[in-house]
């Protein structure tokens, strides 16, 4: 499941994460299914965090530049 998640766009990952949270909050999963969903959720959180970090870095480069010289004021 974690390998499949690497191909997801940020918005798709957030949507899947919301479904996982909803399912887990419903309390109708057995322990094994809950652990599997939790593991997938952790993987999605890491993926989303990495994508946000990459986007933030792009914005920084576009607005500040690679040499930390402010381009946009």
C-alpha atoms as a PDB file:
ATOM      1  CA  UNK A   1       0.000   0.000   0.000  1.00  0.00           C
ATOM      2  CA  UNK A   2       2.822   2.437   0.846  1.00  0.00           C
ATOM      3  CA  UNK A   3       4.364   1.967  -2.598  1.00  0.00           C
ATOM      4  CA  UNK A   4       1.031   2.796  -4.254  1.00  0.00           C
ATOM      5  CA  UNK A   5       0.762   5.968  -2.165  1.00  0.00           C
ATOM      6  CA  UNK A   6       4.033   7.373  -3.531  1.00  0.00           C
ATOM      7  CA  UNK A   7       2.287   7.949  -6.860  1.00  0.00           C
ATOM      8  CA  UNK A   8      -0.572   9.955  -5.350  1.00  0.00           C
ATOM      9  CA  UNK A   9      -0.940  13.676  -5.806  1.00  0.00           C
ATOM     10  CA  UNK A  10      -1.116  15.722  -2.611  1.00  0.00           C
ATOM     11  CA  UNK A  11      -4.880  16.212  -2.858  1.00  0.00           C
ATOM     12  CA  UNK A  12      -5.461  12.513  -3.479  1.00  0.00           C
ATOM     13  CA  UNK A  13      -3.324  11.615  -0.479  1.00  0.00           C
ATOM     14  CA  UNK A  14      -5.259  14.013   1.765  1.00  0.00           C
ATOM     15  CA  UNK A  15      -8.560  12.581   0.531  1.00  0.00           C
ATOM     16  CA  UNK A  16      -7.395   9.011   1.243  1.00  0.00           C
ATOM     17  CA  UNK A  17      -6.112  10.074   4.659  1.00  0.00           C
ATOM     18  CA  UNK A  18      -9.505  11.606   5.487  1.00  0.00           C
ATOM     19  CA  UNK A  19     -11.206   8.329   4.553  1.00  0.00           C
ATOM     20  CA  UNK A  20      -8.809   6.363   6.741  1.00  0.00           C
ATOM     21  CA  UNK A  21      -9.425   8.662   9.702  1.00  0.00           C
ATOM     22  CA  UNK A  22     -13.172   8.399   9.218  1.00  0.00           C
ATOM     23  CA  UNK A  23     -12.996   4.608   9.052  1.00  0.00           C
ATOM     24  CA  UNK A  24     -10.837   4.381  12.158  1.00  0.00           C
ATOM     25  CA  UNK A  25     -13.057   6.799  14.060  1.00  0.00           C
ATOM     26  CA  UNK A  26     -16.061   4.636  13.150  1.00  0.00           C
ATOM     27  CA  UNK A  27     -14.608   1.927  15.366  1.00  0.00           C
ATOM     28  CA  UNK A  28     -15.904  -0.951  13.255  1.00  0.00           C
ATOM     29  CA  UNK A  29     -12.515  -2.323  12.170  1.00  0.00           C
ATOM     30  CA  UNK A  30     -10.832  -5.222  13.865  1.00  0.00           C
ATOM     31  CA  UNK A  31      -7.349  -4.763  15.279  1.00  0.00           C
ATOM     32  CA  UNK A  32      -5.476  -6.040  12.220  1.00  0.00           C
ATOM     33  CA  UNK A  33      -7.427  -3.837   9.819  1.00  0.00           C
ATOM     34  CA  UNK A  34      -6.995  -0.846  12.146  1.00  0.00           C
ATOM     35  CA  UNK A  35      -3.233  -1.370  12.266  1.00  0.00           C
ATOM     36  CA  UNK A  36      -3.050  -1.702   8.485  1.00  0.00           C
ATOM     37  CA  UNK A  37      -5.052   1.499   8.020  1.00  0.00           C
ATOM     38  CA  UNK A  38      -2.970   3.294  10.646  1.00  0.00           C
ATOM     39  CA  UNK A  39       0.223   2.238   8.881  1.00  0.00           C
ATOM     40  CA  UNK A  40      -1.115   3.526   5.572  1.00  0.00           C
ATOM     41  CA  UNK A  41      -2.143   6.763   7.272  1.00  0.00           C
ATOM     42  CA  UNK A  42       1.344   7.311   8.664  1.00  0.00           C
ATOM     43  CA  UNK A  43       2.763   6.719   5.195  1.00  0.00           C
ATOM     44  CA  UNK A  44       0.336   9.268   3.732  1.00  0.00           C
ATOM     45  CA  UNK A  45       1.235  11.860   6.379  1.00  0.00           C
ATOM     46  CA  UNK A  46       4.918  11.442   5.506  1.00  0.00           C
ATOM     47  CA  UNK A  47       4.134  11.731   1.797  1.00  0.00           C
ATOM     48  CA  UNK A  48       2.065  14.896   2.310  1.00  0.00           C
ATOM     49  CA  UNK A  49       4.745  16.416   4.511  1.00  0.00           C
ATOM     50  CA  UNK A  50       7.423  15.740   1.885  1.00  0.00           C
ATOM     51  CA  UNK A  51       5.256  17.240  -0.856  1.00  0.00           C
ATOM     52  CA  UNK A  52       4.600  20.355   1.255  1.00  0.00           C
ATOM     53  CA  UNK A  53       8.317  20.703   1.999  1.00  0.00           C
ATOM     54  CA  UNK A  54       9.122  20.441  -1.714  1.00  0.00           C
ATOM     55  CA  UNK A  55       6.468  23.021  -2.603  1.00  0.00           C
ATOM     56  CA  UNK A  56       7.741  25.345   0.114  1.00  0.00           C
ATOM     57  CA  UNK A  57      11.275  25.037  -1.221  1.00  0.00           C
ATOM     58  CA  UNK A  58      10.077  25.859  -4.756  1.00  0.00           C
ATOM     59  CA  UNK A  59       8.256  28.944  -3.490  1.00  0.00           C
ATOM     60  CA  UNK A  60      11.375  30.014  -1.595  1.00  0.00           C
ATOM     61  CA  UNK A  61      13.535  29.634  -4.698  1.00  0.00           C
ATOM     62  CA  UNK A  62      11.021  31.544  -6.803  1.00  0.00           C
ATOM     63  CA  UNK A  63      10.638  34.392  -4.311  1.00  0.00           C
ATOM     64  CA  UNK A  64      14.032  34.537  -2.627  1.00  0.00           C
ATOM     65  CA  UNK A  65      16.390  32.770  -5.008  1.00  0.00           C
ATOM     66  CA  UNK A  66      19.025  30.163  -4.385  1.00  0.00           C
ATOM     67  CA  UNK A  67      21.428  32.650  -2.781  1.00  0.00           C
ATOM     68  CA  UNK A  68      18.838  33.972  -0.310  1.00  0.00           C
ATOM     69  CA  UNK A  69      18.736  37.235  -2.245  1.00  0.00           C
ATOM     70  CA  UNK A  70      15.145  38.479  -2.138  1.00  0.00           C
ATOM     71  CA  UNK A  71      13.660  38.546  -5.643  1.00  0.00           C
ATOM     72  CA  UNK A  72      10.069  39.487  -4.802  1.00  0.00           C
ATOM     73  CA  UNK A  73       9.325  42.043  -2.131  1.00  0.00           C
END
